Amino acid sequence: MYFALKTVHLATVVGALFSLFFVSYLGWLAPERLRQPAVQRLTLANNGLLLASALALMWASGQYPFAQGWLTAKLLGFVAYIVLARVAMAPAVSTPLRAPAVAGSLACLIYIAWVARAHSATPWAI
């Protein structure tokens, strides 16, 4: 059961989260008539599946945020990613603000992956 949950969780992170983020961002660079609301809905569904699989993994493993520092770091990194991604994709945001928001979103994703791999909130200090 744990292995299946972990596989779903990793698939939503690696396969979908990165891909959907880039597709969504490229959609915002395209003319408005080419933007696909289906991509936005798919991104929301993927984030929901990611959160559900994370909760199931926590329950199955008995490891929880705020008890495990690295899980707290992943959770806070994911929240920061969502906020920055929303800024990057918001229609009212000017183009000069999009690039830093995209860079910040990608930095959050890289940090989350690094923390997950090292099981440490400060993986660079290992």
N, C-alpha and C. Protein backbone atom coordinates (compact mmCIF):
# COMPACT_ATOMS: atom_id res chain seq x y z
N MET A 1 0.82 -1.19 0.00
CA MET A 1 0.00 0.00 0.00
C MET A 1 0.87 1.26 0.00
N TYR A 2 1.88 1.29 0.86
CA TYR A 2 2.76 2.45 0.95
C TYR A 2 3.45 2.71 -0.38
N PHE A 3 3.95 1.67 -1.02
CA PHE A 3 4.66 1.83 -2.29
C PHE A 3 3.72 2.41 -3.36
N ALA A 4 2.48 1.96 -3.40
CA ALA A 4 1.51 2.48 -4.38
C ALA A 4 1.23 3.96 -4.12
N LEU A 5 1.07 4.33 -2.86
CA LEU A 5 0.83 5.73 -2.51
C LEU A 5 2.03 6.60 -2.89
N LYS A 6 3.22 6.08 -2.60
CA LYS A 6 4.43 6.84 -2.93
C LYS A 6 4.57 7.00 -4.44
N THR A 7 4.22 5.97 -5.20
CA THR A 7 4.29 6.04 -6.66
C THR A 7 3.33 7.10 -7.19
N VAL A 8 2.11 7.13 -6.68
CA VAL A 8 1.13 8.14 -7.09
C VAL A 8 1.64 9.54 -6.73
N HIS A 9 2.18 9.67 -5.53
CA HIS A 9 2.69 10.96 -5.08
C HIS A 9 3.83 11.45 -5.98
N LEU A 10 4.77 10.57 -6.25
CA LEU A 10 5.90 10.95 -7.11
C LEU A 10 5.46 11.24 -8.54
N ALA A 11 4.49 10.50 -9.03
CA ALA A 11 3.99 10.73 -10.39
C ALA A 11 3.32 12.09 -10.49
N THR A 12 2.57 12.48 -9.46
CA THR A 12 1.92 13.79 -9.50
C THR A 12 2.94 14.91 -9.40
N VAL A 13 4.03 14.67 -8.70
CA VAL A 13 5.07 15.70 -8.57
C VAL A 13 5.89 15.79 -9.85
N VAL A 14 6.51 14.72 -10.21
CA VAL A 14 7.46 14.73 -11.32
C VAL A 14 6.75 14.86 -12.66
N GLY A 15 5.80 13.98 -12.91
CA GLY A 15 5.16 13.95 -14.21
C GLY A 15 4.24 15.10 -14.47
N ALA A 16 3.44 15.43 -13.50
CA ALA A 16 2.38 16.39 -13.75
C ALA A 16 2.68 17.79 -13.24
N LEU A 17 3.19 17.92 -12.03
CA LEU A 17 3.37 19.24 -11.45
C LEU A 17 4.31 20.10 -12.28
N PHE A 18 5.49 19.57 -12.60
CA PHE A 18 6.43 20.32 -13.42
C PHE A 18 5.86 20.58 -14.82
N SER A 19 5.33 19.54 -15.43
CA SER A 19 4.80 19.67 -16.80
C SER A 19 3.65 20.66 -16.86
N LEU A 20 2.70 20.51 -15.95
CA LEU A 20 1.54 21.40 -15.97
C LEU A 20 1.93 22.84 -15.66
N PHE A 21 2.92 23.04 -14.80
CA PHE A 21 3.37 24.39 -14.52
C PHE A 21 3.92 25.03 -15.79
N PHE A 22 4.76 24.30 -16.52
CA PHE A 22 5.33 24.86 -17.75
C PHE A 22 4.26 25.09 -18.81
N VAL A 23 3.34 24.16 -18.96
CA VAL A 23 2.27 24.33 -19.95
C VAL A 23 1.41 25.53 -19.58
N SER A 24 1.10 25.67 -18.29
CA SER A 24 0.30 26.82 -17.85
C SER A 24 1.04 28.12 -18.10
N TYR A 25 2.32 28.15 -17.77
CA TYR A 25 3.09 29.37 -17.98
C TYR A 25 3.19 29.70 -19.46
N LEU A 26 3.45 28.72 -20.28
CA LEU A 26 3.51 28.96 -21.73
C LEU A 26 2.16 29.44 -22.25
N GLY A 27 1.09 28.94 -21.65
CA GLY A 27 -0.25 29.41 -22.02
C GLY A 27 -0.44 30.88 -21.74
N TRP A 28 0.16 31.38 -20.64
CA TRP A 28 0.04 32.79 -20.33
C TRP A 28 0.89 33.64 -21.26
N LEU A 29 1.91 33.05 -21.84
CA LEU A 29 2.72 33.79 -22.80
C LEU A 29 2.03 33.88 -24.16
N ALA A 30 1.13 32.93 -24.42
CA ALA A 30 0.43 32.88 -25.70
C ALA A 30 -0.69 33.92 -25.73
N PRO A 31 -1.17 34.23 -26.93
CA PRO A 31 -2.32 35.14 -27.02
C PRO A 31 -3.52 34.56 -26.25
N GLU A 32 -4.38 35.44 -25.77
CA GLU A 32 -5.49 35.02 -24.91
C GLU A 32 -6.38 33.96 -25.56
N ARG A 33 -6.57 34.02 -26.86
CA ARG A 33 -7.45 33.06 -27.52
C ARG A 33 -6.87 31.64 -27.51
N LEU A 34 -5.57 31.51 -27.24
CA LEU A 34 -4.93 30.19 -27.21
C LEU A 34 -4.85 29.60 -25.80
N ARG A 35 -5.22 30.36 -24.79
CA ARG A 35 -5.17 29.85 -23.42
C ARG A 35 -6.23 28.79 -23.21
N GLN A 36 -5.86 27.74 -22.53
CA GLN A 36 -6.76 26.62 -22.33
C GLN A 36 -7.20 26.53 -20.86
N PRO A 37 -8.47 26.78 -20.58
CA PRO A 37 -8.93 26.63 -19.19
C PRO A 37 -8.85 25.18 -18.72
N ALA A 38 -8.83 24.24 -19.64
CA ALA A 38 -8.71 22.83 -19.26
C ALA A 38 -7.38 22.57 -18.55
N VAL A 39 -6.33 23.27 -18.96
CA VAL A 39 -5.02 23.10 -18.31
C VAL A 39 -5.10 23.59 -16.87
N GLN A 40 -5.81 24.68 -16.64
CA GLN A 40 -5.97 25.18 -15.28
C GLN A 40 -6.74 24.18 -14.42
N ARG A 41 -7.79 23.62 -14.97
CA ARG A 41 -8.57 22.62 -14.21
C ARG A 41 -7.74 21.38 -13.95
N LEU A 42 -6.96 20.95 -14.93
CA LEU A 42 -6.09 19.80 -14.75
C LEU A 42 -5.03 20.07 -13.69
N THR A 43 -4.50 21.28 -13.66
CA THR A 43 -3.53 21.66 -12.64
C THR A 43 -4.14 21.60 -11.25
N LEU A 44 -5.36 22.13 -11.10
CA LEU A 44 -6.04 22.07 -9.81
C LEU A 44 -6.31 20.63 -9.39
N ALA A 45 -6.73 19.79 -10.33
CA ALA A 45 -6.98 18.38 -10.03
C ALA A 45 -5.69 17.69 -9.61
N ASN A 46 -4.60 17.98 -10.30
CA ASN A 46 -3.32 17.38 -9.96
C ASN A 46 -2.86 17.82 -8.57
N ASN A 47 -3.01 19.11 -8.26
CA ASN A 47 -2.63 19.58 -6.92
C ASN A 47 -3.48 18.91 -5.85
N GLY A 48 -4.75 18.69 -6.13
CA GLY A 48 -5.61 17.96 -5.19
C GLY A 48 -5.16 16.53 -4.99
N LEU A 49 -4.80 15.85 -6.09
CA LEU A 49 -4.31 14.48 -6.00
C LEU A 49 -2.97 14.43 -5.26
N LEU A 50 -2.14 15.43 -5.51
CA LEU A 50 -0.85 15.52 -4.81
C LEU A 50 -1.08 15.66 -3.31
N LEU A 51 -1.98 16.54 -2.92
CA LEU A 51 -2.27 16.73 -1.50
C LEU A 51 -2.89 15.48 -0.88
N ALA A 52 -3.81 14.85 -1.60
CA ALA A 52 -4.45 13.63 -1.09
C ALA A 52 -3.42 12.51 -0.91
N SER A 53 -2.53 12.35 -1.88
CA SER A 53 -1.52 11.30 -1.75
C SER A 53 -0.54 11.61 -0.62
N ALA A 54 -0.23 12.89 -0.42
CA ALA A 54 0.65 13.28 0.69
C ALA A 54 0.00 12.97 2.03
N LEU A 55 -1.30 13.28 2.15
CA LEU A 55 -2.01 12.97 3.40
C LEU A 55 -2.07 11.47 3.64
N ALA A 56 -2.31 10.70 2.59
CA ALA A 56 -2.35 9.24 2.73
C ALA A 56 -0.99 8.68 3.12
N LEU A 57 0.08 9.24 2.53
CA LEU A 57 1.43 8.81 2.90
C LEU A 57 1.75 9.15 4.36
N MET A 58 1.32 10.30 4.81
CA MET A 58 1.55 10.67 6.20
C MET A 58 0.85 9.68 7.13
N TRP A 59 -0.39 9.37 6.80
CA TRP A 59 -1.15 8.44 7.62
C TRP A 59 -0.51 7.05 7.60
N ALA A 60 -0.09 6.58 6.43
CA ALA A 60 0.48 5.24 6.30
C ALA A 60 1.84 5.13 6.99
N SER A 61 2.62 6.20 6.98
CA SER A 61 3.96 6.14 7.56
C SER A 61 4.02 6.61 9.01
N GLY A 62 2.99 7.33 9.45
CA GLY A 62 2.99 7.84 10.81
C GLY A 62 3.90 9.05 10.99
N GLN A 63 4.27 9.70 9.90
CA GLN A 63 5.11 10.90 9.96
C GLN A 63 4.26 12.10 9.57
N TYR A 64 4.32 13.15 10.39
CA TYR A 64 3.44 14.28 10.19
C TYR A 64 4.21 15.60 10.20
N PRO A 65 3.70 16.61 9.43
CA PRO A 65 4.32 17.94 9.51
C PRO A 65 4.21 18.47 10.95
N PHE A 66 5.10 19.34 11.29
CA PHE A 66 5.21 19.96 12.60
C PHE A 66 5.72 18.98 13.66
N ALA A 67 5.77 17.68 13.35
CA ALA A 67 6.45 16.70 14.19
C ALA A 67 7.78 16.33 13.53
N GLN A 68 7.79 16.32 12.21
CA GLN A 68 8.99 16.05 11.41
C GLN A 68 9.35 17.35 10.69
N GLY A 69 10.51 17.88 10.95
CA GLY A 69 10.92 19.16 10.37
C GLY A 69 10.96 19.15 8.85
N TRP A 70 11.40 18.07 8.25
CA TRP A 70 11.51 18.03 6.80
C TRP A 70 10.13 18.01 6.15
N LEU A 71 9.14 17.39 6.80
CA LEU A 71 7.78 17.42 6.24
C LEU A 71 7.17 18.82 6.38
N THR A 72 7.48 19.49 7.46
CA THR A 72 7.03 20.87 7.62
C THR A 72 7.62 21.74 6.51
N ALA A 73 8.91 21.54 6.21
CA ALA A 73 9.57 22.30 5.15
C ALA A 73 8.92 22.02 3.80
N LYS A 74 8.59 20.76 3.53
CA LYS A 74 7.92 20.43 2.27
C LYS A 74 6.55 21.10 2.18
N LEU A 75 5.80 21.06 3.26
CA LEU A 75 4.47 21.67 3.28
C LEU A 75 4.55 23.17 3.05
N LEU A 76 5.44 23.85 3.77
CA LEU A 76 5.59 25.29 3.61
C LEU A 76 6.12 25.64 2.22
N GLY A 77 7.01 24.80 1.68
CA GLY A 77 7.50 25.01 0.32
C GLY A 77 6.39 24.87 -0.70
N PHE A 78 5.48 23.91 -0.47
CA PHE A 78 4.36 23.71 -1.39
C PHE A 78 3.40 24.90 -1.34
N VAL A 79 3.16 25.41 -0.15
CA VAL A 79 2.30 26.60 -0.02
C VAL A 79 2.95 27.79 -0.74
N ALA A 80 4.25 27.97 -0.55
CA ALA A 80 4.96 29.06 -1.25
C ALA A 80 4.89 28.86 -2.76
N TYR A 81 5.04 27.62 -3.21
CA TYR A 81 4.93 27.33 -4.65
C TYR A 81 3.56 27.74 -5.18
N ILE A 82 2.51 27.38 -4.48
CA ILE A 82 1.15 27.70 -4.94
C ILE A 82 0.96 29.21 -5.01
N VAL A 83 1.41 29.94 -4.00
CA VAL A 83 1.26 31.40 -3.99
C VAL A 83 2.03 32.02 -5.16
N LEU A 84 3.28 31.60 -5.34
CA LEU A 84 4.08 32.16 -6.43
C LEU A 84 3.54 31.76 -7.80
N ALA A 85 3.06 30.54 -7.93
CA ALA A 85 2.48 30.11 -9.21
C ALA A 85 1.22 30.91 -9.53
N ARG A 86 0.41 31.19 -8.51
CA ARG A 86 -0.79 32.01 -8.73
C ARG A 86 -0.41 33.41 -9.18
N VAL A 87 0.65 33.97 -8.60
CA VAL A 87 1.12 35.30 -9.02
C VAL A 87 1.61 35.22 -10.46
N ALA A 88 2.35 34.18 -10.78
CA ALA A 88 2.89 34.03 -12.13
C ALA A 88 1.80 33.87 -13.18
N MET A 89 0.68 33.28 -12.81
CA MET A 89 -0.39 33.00 -13.77
C MET A 89 -1.55 33.99 -13.71
N ALA A 90 -1.51 34.92 -12.77
CA ALA A 90 -2.62 35.86 -12.62
C ALA A 90 -2.69 36.81 -13.82
N PRO A 91 -3.88 37.00 -14.37
CA PRO A 91 -4.02 37.87 -15.53
C PRO A 91 -3.65 39.32 -15.26
N ALA A 92 -3.83 39.78 -14.03
CA ALA A 92 -3.58 41.19 -13.72
C ALA A 92 -2.10 41.50 -13.45
N VAL A 93 -1.28 40.48 -13.39
CA VAL A 93 0.14 40.68 -13.08
C VAL A 93 0.87 41.14 -14.33
N SER A 94 1.71 42.16 -14.16
CA SER A 94 2.46 42.67 -15.30
C SER A 94 3.57 41.69 -15.68
N THR A 95 3.99 41.76 -16.91
CA THR A 95 5.00 40.85 -17.43
C THR A 95 6.30 40.89 -16.64
N PRO A 96 6.81 42.05 -16.22
CA PRO A 96 8.06 42.05 -15.45
C PRO A 96 7.97 41.29 -14.12
N LEU A 97 6.77 41.18 -13.53
CA LEU A 97 6.61 40.45 -12.27
C LEU A 97 6.47 38.95 -12.49
N ARG A 98 6.11 38.53 -13.69
CA ARG A 98 5.92 37.11 -13.96
C ARG A 98 7.21 36.32 -13.85
N ALA A 99 8.29 36.83 -14.43
CA ALA A 99 9.55 36.09 -14.45
C ALA A 99 10.07 35.78 -13.04
N PRO A 100 10.10 36.74 -12.12
CA PRO A 100 10.54 36.39 -10.76
C PRO A 100 9.59 35.40 -10.08
N ALA A 101 8.29 35.53 -10.34
CA ALA A 101 7.34 34.59 -9.73
C ALA A 101 7.54 33.18 -10.28
N VAL A 102 7.81 33.06 -11.57
CA VAL A 102 8.09 31.75 -12.17
C VAL A 102 9.38 31.19 -11.59
N ALA A 103 10.41 32.02 -11.50
CA ALA A 103 11.69 31.57 -10.94
C ALA A 103 11.52 31.13 -9.48
N GLY A 104 10.74 31.88 -8.73
CA GLY A 104 10.48 31.51 -7.34
C GLY A 104 9.71 30.21 -7.23
N SER A 105 8.73 30.02 -8.11
CA SER A 105 7.97 28.77 -8.13
C SER A 105 8.88 27.58 -8.41
N LEU A 106 9.73 27.74 -9.41
CA LEU A 106 10.65 26.65 -9.74
C LEU A 106 11.64 26.40 -8.60
N ALA A 107 12.10 27.47 -7.95
CA ALA A 107 13.00 27.32 -6.81
C ALA A 107 12.31 26.55 -5.68
N CYS A 108 11.04 26.83 -5.46
CA CYS A 108 10.28 26.10 -4.43
C CYS A 108 10.19 24.61 -4.79
N LEU A 109 9.90 24.31 -6.05
CA LEU A 109 9.81 22.91 -6.46
C LEU A 109 11.14 22.19 -6.29
N ILE A 110 12.22 22.86 -6.65
CA ILE A 110 13.55 22.25 -6.49
C ILE A 110 13.86 22.04 -5.01
N TYR A 111 13.54 23.02 -4.19
CA TYR A 111 13.77 22.89 -2.75
C TYR A 111 12.97 21.72 -2.17
N ILE A 112 11.70 21.61 -2.56
CA ILE A 112 10.85 20.53 -2.06
C ILE A 112 11.44 19.17 -2.44
N ALA A 113 11.88 19.05 -3.69
CA ALA A 113 12.47 17.78 -4.13
C ALA A 113 13.75 17.48 -3.37
N TRP A 114 14.56 18.50 -3.13
CA TRP A 114 15.81 18.34 -2.40
C TRP A 114 15.55 17.92 -0.95
N VAL A 115 14.57 18.55 -0.32
CA VAL A 115 14.19 18.20 1.05
C VAL A 115 13.66 16.78 1.10
N ALA A 116 12.84 16.41 0.14
CA ALA A 116 12.27 15.06 0.12
C ALA A 116 13.36 14.01 -0.04
N ARG A 117 14.33 14.30 -0.85
CA ARG A 117 15.43 13.35 -1.09
C ARG A 117 16.32 13.21 0.14
N ALA A 118 16.62 14.34 0.81
CA ALA A 118 17.55 14.34 1.94
C ALA A 118 16.87 14.09 3.29
N HIS A 119 15.53 14.22 3.35
CA HIS A 119 14.78 14.13 4.61
C HIS A 119 15.35 15.11 5.64
N SER A 120 15.65 16.31 5.16
CA SER A 120 16.17 17.37 6.01
C SER A 120 15.63 18.71 5.50
N ALA A 121 15.27 19.59 6.43
CA ALA A 121 14.78 20.91 6.06
C ALA A 121 15.91 21.78 5.50
N THR A 122 17.12 21.43 5.83
CA THR A 122 18.30 22.15 5.30
C THR A 122 19.21 21.15 4.59
N PRO A 123 18.82 20.71 3.41
CA PRO A 123 19.59 19.66 2.72
C PRO A 123 20.98 20.10 2.30
N TRP A 124 21.21 21.39 2.15
CA TRP A 124 22.53 21.87 1.77
C TRP A 124 23.53 21.75 2.92
N ALA A 125 23.04 21.58 4.14
CA ALA A 125 23.92 21.50 5.30
C ALA A 125 24.34 20.07 5.62
N ILE A 126 23.86 19.13 4.85
CA ILE A 126 24.20 17.71 5.12
C ILE A 126 25.57 17.40 4.59
